[in-house]
Amino acid sequence: MPMPIREAVGLRQDFRSSTAHREILDVGQEATRRHARRALSETTKEDATMTTVPLPTDGTRWRCTLCGNLTRFDVTRSSKVVEYVHLDLAGESSVEEREVVSETIESVRCRWCNAVDQIELVDRPGAAS
């Protein structure tokens, strides 16, 4: 015979108030805290070991240290920009002004050998030293 709904709800409430259930919750919450701390520490380690690639200047350029490539790179960058966007009456938008507040190069990958962050700055030919 099925249990009446009131009794089932009462059993559930009794179980939630039991000491065993509280202990299970405490163990689960502690595991969640440990997982969050571990994830945070791993993120911090990754950020600390992330290589920063210098930007080329008027007198320098990038060169892959593994294969010697000077011309083809995939650059991953993060930018924070402020844009003045103009919308015409039809709803078409166009950016009329753009100010780069900050820009960070996250990684540079050589297109020839797929090496990541193996880039160095070398002098451009004919550049004044």
Foldseek 3Di string as FASTA:
>chain_A
DDDDPVVVVVVVVVVCPDPVVVVVVVVVVVVVVVVVVVVVVVVVVCVVPQDFDDDADPFKFKAQPPPGDGPDKDWDKDWDKDFDWDADPVGDIDTPDIDTPDMGTRWIAGPPPRDIPRMDIDTDPPGDD
